[in-house]
Protein backbone atom coordinates (compact mmCIF):
# COMPACT_ATOMS: atom_id res chain seq x y z
CA MET A 1 110.78 86.57 43.25
CA THR A 2 110.09 83.21 41.58
CA ALA A 3 108.20 82.06 44.67
CA ILE A 4 105.97 85.13 44.49
CA VAL A 5 105.19 84.67 40.79
CA LEU A 6 104.46 80.96 41.16
CA SER A 7 102.35 81.58 44.27
CA LEU A 8 100.30 84.22 42.48
CA LEU A 9 99.77 81.95 39.46
CA LEU A 10 98.77 79.01 41.65
CA GLY A 11 96.49 81.29 43.64
CA LEU A 12 94.78 82.41 40.44
CA VAL A 13 94.38 78.84 39.18
CA PHE A 14 92.83 77.66 42.43
CA ILE A 15 90.52 80.66 42.64
CA VAL A 16 89.17 79.82 39.18
CA VAL A 17 88.85 76.10 39.96
CA GLY A 18 87.31 76.74 43.37
CA MET A 19 84.76 79.14 41.91
CA ALA A 20 83.86 76.58 39.22
CA HIS A 21 83.19 74.03 41.96
CA LEU A 22 81.05 76.43 43.98
CA GLN A 23 79.12 77.86 41.04
CA GLY A 24 78.29 74.40 39.71
CA LEU A 25 79.56 74.97 36.17
CA ALA A 26 78.54 72.18 33.81
CA SER A 27 82.14 71.11 33.15
CA SER A 28 82.85 70.99 36.88
CA LEU A 29 79.71 68.95 37.57
CA ALA A 30 80.65 66.51 34.81
CA VAL A 31 83.99 65.87 36.53
CA ARG A 32 82.25 65.55 39.91
CA ASP A 33 79.87 62.97 38.50
CA ARG A 34 82.63 61.03 36.72
CA LEU A 35 84.59 60.87 39.98
CA ARG A 36 81.44 59.98 41.95
CA VAL A 37 82.01 62.74 44.50
CA PRO A 38 79.00 63.81 46.58
CA PRO A 39 77.79 67.38 45.92
CA ARG A 40 78.48 68.58 49.48
CA LEU A 41 82.05 67.31 49.34
CA TRP A 42 82.54 68.92 45.90
CA ARG A 43 81.45 72.30 47.31
CA ALA A 44 83.69 71.80 50.36
CA ILE A 45 86.63 71.11 48.06
CA GLY A 46 85.85 74.30 46.13
CA ALA A 47 85.64 76.33 49.33
CA THR A 48 88.93 74.81 50.52
CA GLU A 49 90.60 75.77 47.25
CA LEU A 50 89.36 79.35 47.60
CA VAL A 51 90.47 79.73 51.22
CA ALA A 52 93.86 78.12 50.55
CA SER A 53 94.47 80.29 47.48
CA ALA A 54 93.67 83.43 49.48
CA ALA A 55 95.98 82.25 52.29
CA LEU A 56 98.71 81.54 49.74
CA VAL A 57 98.52 84.98 48.13
CA VAL A 58 98.33 86.85 51.44
CA GLY A 59 100.92 84.61 53.06
CA VAL A 60 103.54 84.95 50.36
CA PHE A 61 103.59 88.71 50.98
CA ALA A 62 103.01 88.87 54.73
CA ILE A 63 103.31 85.51 56.51
CA PRO A 64 105.50 83.00 54.66
CA ALA A 65 104.58 80.18 57.07
CA LEU A 66 100.92 80.67 56.11
CA ALA A 67 101.86 80.47 52.44
CA VAL A 68 103.77 77.24 53.03
CA ALA A 69 100.86 75.70 54.90
CA ALA A 70 98.36 76.79 52.24
CA VAL A 71 100.33 75.54 49.26
CA ALA A 72 101.23 72.29 51.05
CA GLY A 73 97.51 71.78 51.67
CA LEU A 74 96.79 72.43 48.00
CA ALA A 75 99.46 69.88 47.07
CA LEU A 76 97.71 67.29 49.26
CA LEU A 77 94.37 68.21 47.74
CA MET A 78 95.77 67.72 44.23
CA ALA A 79 97.34 64.40 45.22
CA GLY A 80 93.88 63.32 46.35
CA ALA A 81 92.40 64.56 43.08
CA ALA A 82 94.94 62.53 41.10
CA VAL A 83 94.11 59.42 43.10
CA SER A 84 90.38 60.04 42.56
CA HIS A 85 90.89 60.24 38.81
CA LEU A 86 93.01 57.10 38.75
CA ARG A 87 90.41 55.27 40.87
CA VAL A 88 87.92 55.62 38.01
CA SER A 89 90.55 54.89 35.33
CA ASP A 90 90.65 58.53 34.16
CA VAL A 91 94.38 58.80 33.50
CA PRO A 92 94.12 61.92 31.26
CA GLY A 93 92.06 63.62 33.97
CA ALA A 94 94.76 62.88 36.55
CA VAL A 95 97.47 64.71 34.60
CA PRO A 96 96.43 68.29 35.53
CA ALA A 97 96.14 67.28 39.19
CA VAL A 98 99.62 65.72 39.13
CA VAL A 99 101.09 68.82 37.44
CA LEU A 100 99.41 71.15 39.94
CA CYS A 101 100.60 68.96 42.81
CA ALA A 102 104.17 69.13 41.51
CA LEU A 103 103.96 72.92 41.06
CA CYS A 104 102.64 73.28 44.60
CA LEU A 105 105.55 71.22 45.94
CA VAL A 106 108.02 73.34 43.98
CA ASP A 107 106.37 76.44 45.43
CA VAL A 108 106.74 75.04 48.96
CA TRP A 109 110.45 74.58 48.31
CA LEU A 110 110.84 78.05 46.81
CA ILE A 111 109.04 79.75 49.68
CA VAL A 112 111.05 77.85 52.29
CA MET A 113 114.30 78.72 50.49
CA TRP A 114 113.17 82.35 50.29
CA LEU A 115 112.66 82.60 54.08
C-alpha cells in the first residue's frame, strides 16, 4: 500500500514538473538558463519525466517491473539534476533533486519488497 501511495505521489510530482518543462513556464526556463541546459534537452527531460511518471503509475498497478524501471530511471534523472545544480554552485537548487532521488530509491525498494 505504501508503494502505491508513494508511486502515485511521485507520478503526480513528475507530471507537474514535466509539463512545466514542456510548456516553457517562466520559472522552469529560469532554472534551465541557470543550469545552462539547451532548450531541446530541457524539453526531452520534460518528455522523459512525463513518460516515466505514466509508466510508474500504470506499472505499480499492472506491471511492477515497469514501475521499478520507471522510478529507477527517475532516480537517475534526479541524480543528474542534482549534479547539474552543484556544477553551477546552486546548492539550494540541488536539494529538491536529492530529496526526489531519495524518494524514488525508497519507492524502488518498496515496490521490489511488495512483489
